[in-house]
Amino acid sequence: MSKIQVILTADVAGQGRKGEIISVSEGYAKNFLLKNNKGIVATPEELKKIENKKLKDAKKAEEDKKKAIEIKALLESKKLAVTAKIGDNGKLFGAITNKEISAELKKEFGLDIDRKKIECTIKSLGEHKVVVKLHTDVKAEVLVAIKG
C-alpha cells in the first residue's frame, strides 16, 4: 500500500488541522479527502502556494499588531470622560457597561471597537481603568472618569 502526501483544506478528525501536510494511504486520499474536498495532493506548486499564503498571513498579522500598538498608545494617552445618571445619594443608577464605553470610544477617538473586547463593570463615580483587547498580544488600559 503506497502513501501519498496530502495538504488538508479542512480540519479532519483524527488526521489533522487545515493547512497541515499529512501522509495517508492512496485509497483514503482518493476516496475520502480528495472526493470530499478536505484535501489536495501535495505537489511542489501547492506547497509553494501554501508557503506564500503563510508568509502573507504572517505579514498581515505583524501589520495588525503594529496597528494595535498605535491604537493602544492613542487610547492610553488620554482620559475618557463619561457622564452618568446618579441618584440623590451620589451613586450611579445601574452600571457603566462595555457598550457605553464602546460608544464613548467611537465618539471621542473615532474608533469602532467591539464591546466584547472591552472588560469593564463600573458601578461608582470616579476614575476607573478599563481593559480593551486590541489584539491577541496587545491590551490597552484606558482611564475612564465617571461624572454625574
Protein backbone atom coordinates (compact mmCIF):
# COMPACT_ATOMS: atom_id res chain seq x y z
CA MET A 1 0.00 0.00 0.00
CA SER A 2 1.51 3.30 -1.05
CA LYS A 3 1.31 6.51 0.92
CA ILE A 4 0.85 9.96 -0.56
CA GLN A 5 1.24 13.44 0.84
CA VAL A 6 -1.97 15.47 1.19
CA ILE A 7 -2.48 19.08 2.25
CA LEU A 8 -5.64 19.37 4.34
CA THR A 9 -8.09 22.07 3.23
CA ALA A 10 -10.33 21.49 6.27
CA ASP A 11 -9.95 20.07 9.78
CA VAL A 12 -10.23 16.27 9.68
CA ALA A 13 -10.86 14.39 12.93
CA GLY A 14 -8.01 12.04 13.74
CA GLN A 15 -5.83 13.32 10.89
CA GLY A 16 -5.00 16.99 11.39
CA ARG A 17 -5.95 20.62 11.04
CA LYS A 18 -6.47 22.78 7.96
CA GLY A 19 -3.18 23.60 6.22
CA GLU A 20 -1.24 20.64 7.62
CA ILE A 21 0.58 18.20 5.37
CA ILE A 22 -0.13 14.57 6.21
CA SER A 23 0.85 11.17 4.80
CA VAL A 24 -2.10 8.90 4.15
CA SER A 25 -2.82 5.81 2.10
CA GLU A 26 -3.66 6.41 -1.53
CA GLY A 27 -7.14 4.93 -1.12
CA TYR A 28 -8.05 7.14 1.85
CA ALA A 29 -6.78 10.19 -0.01
CA LYS A 30 -8.71 9.47 -3.21
CA ASN A 31 -11.90 8.05 -1.70
CA PHE A 32 -12.33 10.47 1.19
CA LEU A 33 -10.06 13.50 1.37
CA LEU A 34 -9.97 14.47 -2.31
CA LYS A 35 -13.54 13.37 -3.04
CA ASN A 36 -14.99 15.45 -0.14
CA ASN A 37 -12.75 18.49 -0.81
CA LYS A 38 -10.98 18.03 2.52
CA GLY A 39 -7.52 17.85 0.99
CA ILE A 40 -5.38 18.35 -2.11
CA VAL A 41 -2.38 16.36 -3.32
CA ALA A 42 0.85 17.95 -2.05
CA THR A 43 2.54 18.87 -5.33
CA PRO A 44 5.51 21.27 -5.35
CA GLU A 45 3.21 24.01 -6.76
CA GLU A 46 0.64 23.56 -3.97
CA LEU A 47 3.40 23.53 -1.33
CA LYS A 48 4.71 26.81 -2.75
CA LYS A 49 1.20 28.32 -2.66
CA ILE A 50 0.82 27.33 0.98
CA GLU A 51 4.25 28.76 1.86
CA ASN A 52 3.34 32.05 0.15
CA LYS A 53 0.00 32.15 1.98
CA LYS A 54 1.75 31.57 5.33
CA LEU A 55 4.18 34.42 4.59
CA LYS A 56 1.30 36.71 3.60
CA ASP A 57 -0.66 35.78 6.75
CA ALA A 58 2.39 36.37 8.96
CA LYS A 59 2.95 39.78 7.36
CA LYS A 60 -0.71 40.71 7.86
CA ALA A 61 -0.60 39.57 11.50
CA GLU A 62 2.50 41.72 12.08
CA GLU A 63 0.78 44.75 10.50
CA ASP A 64 -2.33 44.16 12.62
CA LYS A 65 -0.17 44.03 15.76
CA LYS A 66 1.64 47.28 14.83
CA LYS A 67 -1.71 48.98 14.25
CA ALA A 68 -2.99 47.68 17.61
CA ILE A 69 0.11 49.09 19.36
CA GLU A 70 -0.51 52.51 17.75
CA ILE A 71 -4.15 52.45 18.89
CA LYS A 72 -3.02 51.41 22.39
CA ALA A 73 -0.70 54.45 22.58
CA LEU A 74 -3.58 56.70 21.48
CA LEU A 75 -6.05 55.25 23.99
CA GLU A 76 -3.61 55.36 26.90
CA SER A 77 -2.59 58.96 26.18
CA LYS A 78 -5.99 60.43 27.04
CA LYS A 79 -8.65 60.11 29.70
CA LEU A 80 -12.16 59.20 28.63
CA ALA A 81 -14.91 61.18 30.33
CA VAL A 82 -18.31 59.54 30.71
CA THR A 83 -21.37 61.25 32.15
CA ALA A 84 -23.78 59.01 34.00
CA LYS A 85 -27.09 59.40 35.81
CA ILE A 86 -26.72 59.49 39.57
CA GLY A 87 -29.24 59.29 42.36
CA ASP A 88 -29.73 61.59 45.36
CA ASN A 89 -27.18 59.64 47.41
CA GLY A 90 -24.44 60.21 44.79
CA LYS A 91 -24.47 56.63 43.49
CA LEU A 92 -24.84 55.51 39.89
CA PHE A 93 -28.11 54.25 38.51
CA GLY A 94 -27.12 50.76 37.35
CA ALA A 95 -23.60 50.44 35.96
CA ILE A 96 -21.46 51.71 33.12
CA THR A 97 -21.23 48.81 30.67
CA ASN A 98 -18.83 47.90 27.88
CA LYS A 99 -21.50 49.04 25.40
CA GLU A 100 -21.38 52.60 26.78
CA ILE A 101 -17.58 52.60 26.84
CA SER A 102 -17.54 51.41 23.21
CA ALA A 103 -19.90 54.26 22.21
CA GLU A 104 -17.69 56.81 24.03
CA LEU A 105 -14.52 55.47 22.33
CA LYS A 106 -16.23 55.87 18.96
CA LYS A 107 -17.35 59.41 19.82
CA GLU A 108 -14.04 60.52 21.36
CA PHE A 109 -11.45 58.75 19.19
CA GLY A 110 -13.46 57.67 16.13
CA LEU A 111 -12.52 54.05 16.86
CA ASP A 112 -15.05 51.31 16.26
CA ILE A 113 -14.14 48.79 18.96
CA ASP A 114 -16.38 45.79 19.54
CA ARG A 115 -17.92 45.92 23.02
CA LYS A 116 -16.97 42.28 23.60
CA LYS A 117 -13.31 43.34 23.58
CA ILE A 118 -13.86 45.77 26.46
CA GLU A 119 -13.64 44.47 30.03
CA CYS A 120 -15.46 46.68 32.50
CA THR A 121 -18.14 46.84 35.14
CA ILE A 122 -18.13 50.29 36.66
CA LYS A 123 -20.58 50.87 39.48
CA SER A 124 -19.25 54.02 41.12
CA LEU A 125 -18.18 57.58 40.32
CA GLY A 126 -14.51 58.47 39.91
CA GLU A 127 -11.67 57.15 37.79
CA HIS A 128 -11.51 53.54 36.69
CA LYS A 129 -9.19 51.51 34.47
CA VAL A 130 -10.89 49.69 31.62
CA VAL A 131 -9.05 46.98 29.66
CA VAL A 132 -9.52 46.98 25.88
CA LYS A 133 -8.29 43.93 23.94
CA LEU A 134 -6.93 45.24 20.65
CA HIS A 135 -5.00 42.15 19.52
CA THR A 136 -4.15 38.75 20.97
CA ASP A 137 -0.89 40.22 22.35
CA VAL A 138 -1.96 43.86 22.85
CA LYS A 139 -4.23 45.18 25.61
CA ALA A 140 -4.77 48.86 26.37
CA GLU A 141 -5.70 50.22 29.78
CA VAL A 142 -7.96 53.20 29.29
CA LEU A 143 -8.53 55.62 32.17
CA VAL A 144 -12.25 56.41 32.39
CA ALA A 145 -13.57 59.26 34.54
CA ILE A 146 -17.20 58.80 35.54
CA LYS A 147 -19.03 62.05 36.30
CA GLY A 148 -22.56 62.73 37.45
